Amino acid sequence: MDLNSALKHCIGKTHVDFLPEPYRGKVRDVYRLDNNRLAIVSSDRISAFDHILRQLIPYKGQILNQIATKFMQLTEDIVPNWVVAVPDPSVTIGKLCE
């Protein structure tokens, strides 16, 4: 896939018809699935000095989510974590925590 094609498929903002509008952080969109679970989508947005930049980086969210997932898996025997499932390279389903 060339760069122009990859840029057309970047995740800048998400929307799921059957869920309420998400909380939008600088690089993640957080959906409340029910009273116990969240879905966190890692986008391709970039932030620097607390500002969201206009340009997106292809696959940034996917890589960010996969790195976080790997470390959660590597340490789950040491300390329980919030991850329930990773149904997509850019999405993590997790337990709602305080």
C-alpha atoms as a PDB file:
ATOM      1  CA  MET A   1       0.000   0.000   0.000  1.00  0.00           C
ATOM      2  CA  ASP A   2       1.441   3.377  -0.951  1.00  0.00           C
ATOM      3  CA  LEU A   3       1.443   6.431   1.297  1.00  0.00           C
ATOM      4  CA  ASN A   4      -1.477   8.200  -0.427  1.00  0.00           C
ATOM      5  CA  SER A   5      -3.645   5.111  -0.086  1.00  0.00           C
ATOM      6  CA  ALA A   6      -2.645   4.686   3.578  1.00  0.00           C
ATOM      7  CA  LEU A   7      -3.478   8.333   4.325  1.00  0.00           C
ATOM      8  CA  LYS A   8      -7.016   7.820   2.968  1.00  0.00           C
ATOM      9  CA  HIS A   9      -7.613   5.049   5.522  1.00  0.00           C
ATOM     10  CA  CYS A  10      -6.331   6.803   8.663  1.00  0.00           C
ATOM     11  CA  ILE A  11      -8.517   6.785  11.763  1.00  0.00           C
ATOM     12  CA  GLY A  12      -9.046  10.433  12.644  1.00  0.00           C
ATOM     13  CA  LYS A  13     -12.416  10.317  14.364  1.00  0.00           C
ATOM     14  CA  THR A  14     -14.673   7.372  15.094  1.00  0.00           C
ATOM     15  CA  HIS A  15     -18.438   7.014  15.203  1.00  0.00           C
ATOM     16  CA  VAL A  16     -20.513   3.950  16.127  1.00  0.00           C
ATOM     17  CA  ASP A  17     -24.214   4.366  15.302  1.00  0.00           C
ATOM     18  CA  PHE A  18     -25.537   2.236  18.164  1.00  0.00           C
ATOM     19  CA  LEU A  19     -23.360   3.766  20.912  1.00  0.00           C
ATOM     20  CA  PRO A  20     -23.451   7.208  22.547  1.00  0.00           C
ATOM     21  CA  GLU A  21     -20.862   9.738  21.394  1.00  0.00           C
ATOM     22  CA  PRO A  22     -17.465   8.828  22.833  1.00  0.00           C
ATOM     23  CA  TYR A  23     -15.194  10.809  25.075  1.00  0.00           C
ATOM     24  CA  ARG A  24     -12.500  12.047  22.710  1.00  0.00           C
ATOM     25  CA  GLY A  25      -9.029  12.370  24.145  1.00  0.00           C
ATOM     26  CA  LYS A  26      -6.024  13.630  22.250  1.00  0.00           C
ATOM     27  CA  VAL A  27      -5.384  10.302  20.526  1.00  0.00           C
ATOM     28  CA  ARG A  28      -8.092   7.901  21.755  1.00  0.00           C
ATOM     29  CA  ASP A  29     -11.885   7.714  21.495  1.00  0.00           C
ATOM     30  CA  VAL A  30     -13.488   6.028  24.521  1.00  0.00           C
ATOM     31  CA  TYR A  31     -16.929   4.416  24.270  1.00  0.00           C
ATOM     32  CA  ARG A  32     -18.883   3.241  27.296  1.00  0.00           C
ATOM     33  CA  LEU A  33     -20.368  -0.124  26.321  1.00  0.00           C
ATOM     34  CA  ASP A  34     -22.268  -0.746  29.554  1.00  0.00           C
ATOM     35  CA  ASN A  35     -21.800  -0.214  33.302  1.00  0.00           C
ATOM     36  CA  ASN A  36     -18.761  -2.478  33.391  1.00  0.00           C
ATOM     37  CA  ARG A  37     -16.938  -2.162  30.062  1.00  0.00           C
ATOM     38  CA  LEU A  38     -15.295   0.400  27.797  1.00  0.00           C
ATOM     39  CA  ALA A  39     -14.094   0.236  24.198  1.00  0.00           C
ATOM     40  CA  ILE A  40     -11.013   2.311  23.547  1.00  0.00           C
ATOM     41  CA  VAL A  41     -10.098   3.123  19.945  1.00  0.00           C
ATOM     42  CA  SER A  42      -6.543   4.301  19.355  1.00  0.00           C
ATOM     43  CA  SER A  43      -6.691   6.796  16.495  1.00  0.00           C
ATOM     44  CA  ASP A  44      -4.018   8.008  14.103  1.00  0.00           C
ATOM     45  CA  ARG A  45      -4.247  11.538  15.533  1.00  0.00           C
ATOM     46  CA  ILE A  46      -1.057  13.232  16.700  1.00  0.00           C
ATOM     47  CA  SER A  47      -0.740  15.519  19.678  1.00  0.00           C
ATOM     48  CA  ALA A  48       2.157  17.752  20.587  1.00  0.00           C
ATOM     49  CA  PHE A  49       2.294  20.165  23.502  1.00  0.00           C
ATOM     50  CA  ASP A  50      -1.381  19.448  24.293  1.00  0.00           C
ATOM     51  CA  HIS A  51      -2.568  20.300  20.775  1.00  0.00           C
ATOM     52  CA  ILE A  52      -4.038  17.877  18.273  1.00  0.00           C
ATOM     53  CA  LEU A  53      -2.221  18.354  14.989  1.00  0.00           C
ATOM     54  CA  ARG A  54      -4.035  18.323  11.670  1.00  0.00           C
ATOM     55  CA  GLN A  55      -1.991  15.600   9.965  1.00  0.00           C
ATOM     56  CA  LEU A  56      -2.667  11.936  10.763  1.00  0.00           C
ATOM     57  CA  ILE A  57      -0.019   9.193  10.803  1.00  0.00           C
ATOM     58  CA  PRO A  58      -1.113   5.948   9.117  1.00  0.00           C
ATOM     59  CA  TYR A  59      -1.221   2.952  11.490  1.00  0.00           C
ATOM     60  CA  LYS A  60      -0.080   5.034  14.505  1.00  0.00           C
ATOM     61  CA  GLY A  61      -3.115   4.044  16.579  1.00  0.00           C
ATOM     62  CA  GLN A  62      -2.808   0.408  15.636  1.00  0.00           C
ATOM     63  CA  ILE A  63       0.861   0.294  16.641  1.00  0.00           C
ATOM     64  CA  LEU A  64       0.183   2.209  19.875  1.00  0.00           C
ATOM     65  CA  ASN A  65      -2.605  -0.222  20.802  1.00  0.00           C
ATOM     66  CA  GLN A  66      -0.569  -3.304  19.929  1.00  0.00           C
ATOM     67  CA  ILE A  67       2.406  -2.152  22.030  1.00  0.00           C
ATOM     68  CA  ALA A  68       0.135  -1.457  25.014  1.00  0.00           C
ATOM     69  CA  THR A  69      -1.570  -4.848  24.531  1.00  0.00           C
ATOM     70  CA  LYS A  70       1.761  -6.669  24.449  1.00  0.00           C
ATOM     71  CA  PHE A  71       2.890  -5.150  27.743  1.00  0.00           C
ATOM     72  CA  MET A  72      -0.479  -5.812  29.378  1.00  0.00           C
ATOM     73  CA  GLN A  73      -0.147  -9.478  28.357  1.00  0.00           C
ATOM     74  CA  LEU A  74       3.447  -9.688  29.586  1.00  0.00           C
ATOM     75  CA  THR A  75       2.563  -8.332  33.030  1.00  0.00           C
ATOM     76  CA  GLU A  76      -0.898  -9.847  33.662  1.00  0.00           C
ATOM     77  CA  ASP A  77       0.625 -12.593  35.806  1.00  0.00           C
ATOM     78  CA  ILE A  78       2.234  -9.932  38.036  1.00  0.00           C
ATOM     79  CA  VAL A  79      -0.738  -7.595  38.419  1.00  0.00           C
ATOM     80  CA  PRO A  80      -4.307  -7.899  37.085  1.00  0.00           C
ATOM     81  CA  ASN A  81      -5.193  -5.350  34.428  1.00  0.00           C
ATOM     82  CA  TRP A  82      -8.314  -3.975  32.782  1.00  0.00           C
ATOM     83  CA  VAL A  83      -8.026  -5.675  29.349  1.00  0.00           C
ATOM     84  CA  VAL A  84     -10.870  -8.029  28.409  1.00  0.00           C
ATOM     85  CA  ALA A  85     -10.323  -8.385  24.638  1.00  0.00           C
ATOM     86  CA  VAL A  86      -8.605  -6.853  21.624  1.00  0.00           C
ATOM     87  CA  PRO A  87     -11.086  -7.406  18.761  1.00  0.00           C
ATOM     88  CA  ASP A  88      -9.198  -5.177  16.316  1.00  0.00           C
ATOM     89  CA  PRO A  89      -5.585  -3.934  16.158  1.00  0.00           C
ATOM     90  CA  SER A  90      -6.832  -0.423  17.037  1.00  0.00           C
ATOM     91  CA  VAL A  91      -9.459  -1.380  19.649  1.00  0.00           C
ATOM     92  CA  THR A  92      -9.255  -2.638  23.222  1.00  0.00           C
ATOM     93  CA  ILE A  93     -12.276  -3.693  25.278  1.00  0.00           C
ATOM     94  CA  GLY A  94     -11.675  -3.304  28.965  1.00  0.00           C
ATOM     95  CA  LYS A  95     -13.168  -3.267  32.429  1.00  0.00           C
ATOM     96  CA  LEU A  96     -14.415   0.064  33.717  1.00  0.00           C
ATOM     97  CA  CYS A  97     -12.174   1.002  36.651  1.00  0.00           C
ATOM     98  CA  GLU A  98     -12.123   3.773  39.214  1.00  0.00           C
END
